[in-house]
Amino acid sequence: MRQPTLFIPHGAGPCFFMDWTRGPADEWDPLAGWLKGLVASLPERPKAILVVSGHWEAPQFTVGATVRPELIFDYSGFPAETYALRFDAPGAPEIAARVRALLGAAEATARGWDHGVFVPLKLVTPDADIPVLQLSLKAGLDPAEHLAAGRALAPLRDEGVLIVGSGMSWHNMRGFTPDFTQRSERFDAWLAGAVADTANRDAALAHWETAPHAREAHPREEHLIPLMIAAGAASGEPGRIAFKDRVMDVDVSAVAFGA
């Protein structure tokens, strides 16, 4: 069965695996619960999960092709135990070769998984029993290029591969305060409308900077661009807000396409 594609919020660093000290202790519990139920919501268990994280950019699209990727603890200032997390899912070098073929010029690397991969997937697949591979963003962060890359990767969905963009729908490190609540509501409302409009979605996403409060939502867009891969891989299929919550005073959403 054809897999949907997803754009998920991956939280704040290792937020799901520590005592949260800013705001309520259960701040991230709704998102954690949604991530834990994600596999059960799919039409069938994925053969593999391809993740595009906002924490990896390369000069060309590059895919991890390692059998046992290591973890990259690319966050700082968190409790010591969060640097001892484990996620022992196998890599998927055969599917990495397929990704390279579909994208044409994609490179291969032995790079490990950053926290945009292993932090949410520890909840999605707690037994680490689904192979995982990671695809980079392409430097320059051109949304149209990433939409096109998603379209090229669309055949994977019929081959049992779940395509996941991992970022945040709102990612302004100075903008997680009550001053930004209403602005996040307006940006999130634009996002919901843009992903649902199959006829005009590519144009809206390619020009996302024209959205209300766009540059306040994303002073730099690396956490939004994974959405373009997910949207491109489901071109012409409906998109919807699959999860929404208010965390750290702003609205944060996940998007599902083709589901």
Protein backbone atom coordinates (compact mmCIF):
# COMPACT_ATOMS: atom_id res chain seq x y z
CA MET A 1 0.00 0.00 0.00
CA ARG A 2 1.18 3.52 -0.74
CA GLN A 3 2.68 5.28 2.25
CA PRO A 4 1.74 8.87 3.05
CA THR A 5 4.44 11.48 3.52
CA LEU A 6 4.91 13.50 6.68
CA PHE A 7 6.37 16.71 8.01
CA ILE A 8 6.91 16.34 11.76
CA PRO A 9 8.07 18.71 14.52
CA HIS A 10 11.06 17.07 16.18
CA GLY A 11 10.89 19.13 19.35
CA ALA A 12 13.56 21.09 21.18
CA GLY A 13 16.80 19.13 21.35
CA PRO A 14 16.24 15.94 23.37
CA CYS A 15 13.13 17.41 25.03
CA PHE A 16 11.26 14.09 25.24
CA PHE A 17 14.03 12.37 27.20
CA MET A 18 14.72 14.80 30.04
CA ASP A 19 12.95 16.67 32.80
CA TRP A 20 11.65 19.76 31.03
CA THR A 21 12.38 22.89 33.06
CA ARG A 22 10.89 25.67 30.93
CA GLY A 23 7.16 25.88 31.51
CA PRO A 24 5.01 22.87 32.40
CA ALA A 25 6.80 19.56 32.88
CA ASP A 26 4.37 17.94 30.42
CA GLU A 27 4.96 20.58 27.72
CA TRP A 28 6.02 18.05 25.09
CA ASP A 29 3.76 15.14 26.12
CA PRO A 30 1.06 15.67 23.43
CA LEU A 31 3.65 15.66 20.64
CA ALA A 32 5.39 12.64 22.17
CA GLY A 33 2.09 10.78 22.30
CA TRP A 34 1.34 11.57 18.66
CA LEU A 35 4.78 10.40 17.55
CA LYS A 36 4.38 7.17 19.52
CA GLY A 37 1.18 6.41 17.63
CA LEU A 38 2.46 7.30 14.20
CA VAL A 39 3.32 3.82 12.89
CA ALA A 40 -0.05 2.45 13.98
CA SER A 41 -1.74 5.20 11.95
CA LEU A 42 -0.08 4.16 8.67
CA PRO A 43 -1.71 1.92 6.06
CA GLU A 44 0.98 -0.68 6.76
CA ARG A 45 4.26 -0.95 8.62
CA PRO A 46 7.00 0.77 6.58
CA LYS A 47 9.81 -1.21 4.99
CA ALA A 48 12.09 1.73 5.85
CA ILE A 49 11.92 5.38 6.91
CA LEU A 50 13.67 8.08 4.91
CA VAL A 51 14.19 11.20 7.02
CA VAL A 52 15.13 14.67 5.80
CA SER A 53 16.24 16.68 8.83
CA GLY A 54 16.66 20.41 9.23
CA HIS A 55 20.04 19.69 10.82
CA TRP A 56 21.94 18.47 7.77
CA GLU A 57 22.84 20.55 4.73
CA ALA A 58 25.29 19.52 2.02
CA PRO A 59 26.48 21.07 -1.27
CA GLN A 60 24.47 18.39 -3.12
CA PHE A 61 21.69 16.12 -1.97
CA THR A 62 23.51 13.46 0.02
CA VAL A 63 22.19 10.24 1.49
CA GLY A 64 23.50 8.18 4.38
CA ALA A 65 24.46 4.71 3.21
CA THR A 66 25.79 3.10 6.38
CA VAL A 67 24.65 -0.23 7.80
CA ARG A 68 24.94 0.95 11.43
CA PRO A 69 24.93 4.76 11.59
CA GLU A 70 26.25 6.45 14.71
CA LEU A 71 24.38 9.19 16.53
CA ILE A 72 25.43 12.83 16.25
CA PHE A 73 24.64 14.70 19.46
CA ASP A 74 24.36 18.07 17.76
CA TYR A 75 22.76 19.90 20.67
CA SER A 76 24.38 21.60 23.63
CA GLY A 77 23.58 22.60 27.18
CA PHE A 78 21.30 19.67 27.96
CA PRO A 79 21.57 17.16 30.85
CA ALA A 80 24.36 14.59 30.70
CA GLU A 81 21.98 11.67 30.24
CA THR A 82 20.78 13.07 26.93
CA TYR A 83 24.26 12.47 25.49
CA ALA A 84 23.98 8.78 26.32
CA LEU A 85 20.80 8.15 24.35
CA ARG A 86 20.80 5.16 22.01
CA PHE A 87 18.91 4.42 18.84
CA ASP A 88 20.11 1.21 17.26
CA ALA A 89 17.93 0.96 14.17
CA PRO A 90 19.71 -0.50 11.13
CA GLY A 91 20.60 1.67 8.18
CA ALA A 92 19.29 0.99 4.70
CA PRO A 93 22.16 1.12 2.18
CA GLU A 94 20.14 -0.65 -0.53
CA ILE A 95 17.42 1.97 -0.33
CA ALA A 96 20.11 4.66 -0.21
CA ALA A 97 21.24 3.40 -3.62
CA ARG A 98 17.67 3.68 -4.85
CA VAL A 99 17.45 7.26 -3.53
CA ARG A 100 20.63 8.16 -5.37
CA ALA A 101 19.27 6.69 -8.58
CA LEU A 102 16.01 8.61 -8.28
CA LEU A 103 17.76 11.90 -7.54
CA GLY A 104 20.45 11.42 -10.16
CA ALA A 105 23.28 13.53 -8.74
CA ALA A 106 22.95 12.58 -5.07
CA GLU A 107 26.09 11.71 -3.13
CA ALA A 108 26.56 8.93 -0.56
CA THR A 109 28.17 9.27 2.86
CA ALA A 110 28.83 7.39 6.07
CA ARG A 111 27.52 10.28 8.18
CA GLY A 112 25.51 9.32 11.25
CA TRP A 113 22.05 10.50 12.32
CA ASP A 114 21.56 13.93 13.88
CA HIS A 115 18.97 14.61 16.55
CA GLY A 116 16.36 15.54 13.95
CA VAL A 117 16.37 11.83 13.17
CA PHE A 118 17.03 9.86 16.32
CA VAL A 119 15.12 11.99 18.83
CA PRO A 120 11.68 11.68 17.18
CA LEU A 121 12.29 8.15 15.86
CA LYS A 122 13.07 6.87 19.35
CA LEU A 123 9.38 7.57 19.97
CA VAL A 124 8.10 6.52 16.55
CA THR A 125 9.95 3.17 16.61
CA PRO A 126 10.96 2.49 20.22
CA ASP A 127 12.18 -0.99 19.32
CA ALA A 128 14.40 0.49 16.58
CA ASP A 129 13.22 -2.30 14.30
CA ILE A 130 12.56 -0.36 11.07
CA PRO A 131 15.58 0.52 8.88
CA VAL A 132 16.28 4.25 8.68
CA LEU A 133 18.24 6.40 6.27
CA GLN A 134 18.77 10.15 6.14
CA LEU A 135 18.84 12.53 3.21
CA SER A 136 20.43 15.95 3.46
CA LEU A 137 19.01 19.27 2.48
CA LYS A 138 20.78 20.95 -0.42
CA ALA A 139 22.75 24.09 0.35
CA GLY A 140 20.96 27.23 -0.72
CA LEU A 141 17.67 25.85 0.64
CA ASP A 142 15.79 26.58 -2.57
CA PRO A 143 12.20 25.46 -1.86
CA ALA A 144 11.47 24.70 -5.53
CA GLU A 145 14.53 22.43 -5.74
CA HIS A 146 13.38 20.52 -2.68
CA LEU A 147 9.83 20.21 -4.01
CA ALA A 148 11.31 18.75 -7.21
CA ALA A 149 13.48 16.35 -5.20
CA GLY A 150 10.37 15.19 -3.37
CA ARG A 151 8.62 14.53 -6.68
CA ALA A 152 11.60 12.45 -7.80
CA LEU A 153 11.43 10.39 -4.62
CA ALA A 154 7.69 9.72 -4.85
CA PRO A 155 8.11 6.14 -6.21
CA LEU A 156 9.56 5.11 -2.85
CA ARG A 157 6.09 5.45 -1.34
CA ASP A 158 4.89 2.49 -3.40
CA GLU A 159 7.96 0.53 -2.33
CA GLY A 160 7.10 0.66 1.37
CA VAL A 161 9.27 3.64 2.31
CA LEU A 162 7.86 6.32 4.61
CA ILE A 163 9.22 9.77 3.68
CA VAL A 164 9.48 12.08 6.68
CA GLY A 165 10.53 15.73 6.76
CA SER A 166 11.77 16.49 10.28
CA GLY A 167 11.87 20.12 11.34
CA MET A 168 9.56 22.60 13.07
CA SER A 169 6.65 24.57 11.64
CA TRP A 170 7.78 27.50 13.83
CA HIS A 171 11.50 27.85 14.48
CA ASN A 172 12.56 31.21 15.86
CA MET A 173 14.86 30.73 18.82
CA ARG A 174 13.91 34.20 20.12
CA GLY A 175 10.28 33.77 19.23
CA PHE A 176 9.05 31.25 21.78
CA THR A 177 7.30 33.80 23.99
CA PRO A 178 3.73 35.09 24.43
CA ASP A 179 4.64 38.06 22.21
CA PHE A 180 4.69 35.65 19.27
CA THR A 181 1.58 33.58 20.01
CA GLN A 182 -0.77 35.41 17.66
CA ARG A 183 1.86 35.62 14.96
CA SER A 184 2.39 31.87 15.16
CA GLU A 185 -1.39 31.37 14.86
CA ARG A 186 -1.44 33.37 11.63
CA PHE A 187 1.53 31.55 10.14
CA ASP A 188 0.07 28.19 11.12
CA ALA A 189 -3.28 29.10 9.56
CA TRP A 190 -1.47 29.97 6.32
CA LEU A 191 0.38 26.65 6.46
CA ALA A 192 -2.87 24.70 6.91
CA GLY A 193 -4.40 26.43 3.92
CA ALA A 194 -1.32 26.07 1.74
CA VAL A 195 -0.90 22.32 2.22
CA ALA A 196 -4.60 21.63 1.65
CA ASP A 197 -4.74 23.47 -1.69
CA THR A 198 -3.42 20.81 -4.07
CA ALA A 199 -3.79 23.03 -7.14
CA ASN A 200 -1.69 25.90 -5.78
CA ARG A 201 0.39 24.20 -3.10
CA ASP A 202 3.73 24.12 -4.91
CA ALA A 203 3.51 27.82 -5.76
CA ALA A 204 2.52 28.72 -2.19
CA LEU A 205 5.34 26.70 -0.65
CA ALA A 206 7.89 27.91 -3.18
CA HIS A 207 7.01 31.47 -2.11
CA TRP A 208 6.54 30.73 1.58
CA GLU A 209 8.32 33.98 2.50
CA THR A 210 5.16 35.87 1.51
CA ALA A 211 3.16 34.11 4.25
CA PRO A 212 2.06 36.12 7.29
CA HIS A 213 5.00 36.48 9.70
CA ALA A 214 7.09 34.12 7.58
CA ARG A 215 10.48 35.45 8.59
CA GLU A 216 9.45 35.63 12.22
CA ALA A 217 8.48 31.97 12.01
CA HIS A 218 11.71 31.08 10.23
CA PRO A 219 14.53 33.64 10.41
CA ARG A 220 16.44 30.92 8.55
CA GLU A 221 14.36 28.29 6.78
CA GLU A 222 16.29 25.06 7.33
CA HIS A 223 13.58 23.73 9.68
CA LEU A 224 10.83 24.42 7.13
CA ILE A 225 12.49 23.10 3.97
CA PRO A 226 12.01 19.41 4.92
CA LEU A 227 8.31 20.13 4.42
CA MET A 228 9.03 20.70 0.73
CA ILE A 229 10.37 17.16 0.26
CA ALA A 230 7.27 15.68 1.90
CA ALA A 231 4.95 17.90 -0.15
CA GLY A 232 6.75 17.22 -3.42
CA ALA A 233 6.60 13.47 -2.88
CA ALA A 234 2.81 13.73 -2.63
CA SER A 235 2.23 16.14 -5.50
CA GLY A 236 -1.45 16.40 -6.35
CA GLU A 237 -2.56 14.59 -3.18
CA PRO A 238 -4.28 16.32 -0.26
CA GLY A 239 -2.35 17.63 2.71
CA ARG A 240 -3.74 18.19 6.18
CA ILE A 241 -2.66 19.21 9.64
CA ALA A 242 -2.19 15.86 11.37
CA PHE A 243 -1.16 17.24 14.77
CA LYS A 244 -1.26 20.68 16.36
CA ASP A 245 -0.32 21.94 19.79
CA ARG A 246 0.85 25.08 21.53
CA VAL A 247 4.33 24.63 22.97
CA MET A 248 6.51 27.33 24.44
CA ASP A 249 3.73 29.83 23.64
CA VAL A 250 3.54 29.20 19.88
CA ASP A 251 1.52 26.95 17.60
CA VAL A 252 3.41 23.94 16.23
CA SER A 253 1.97 21.57 13.65
CA ALA A 254 2.68 18.34 11.79
CA VAL A 255 1.46 17.76 8.25
CA ALA A 256 0.40 14.55 6.51
CA PHE A 257 0.13 14.26 2.73
CA GLY A 258 -1.75 11.58 0.85
CA ALA A 259 -3.41 10.22 3.97
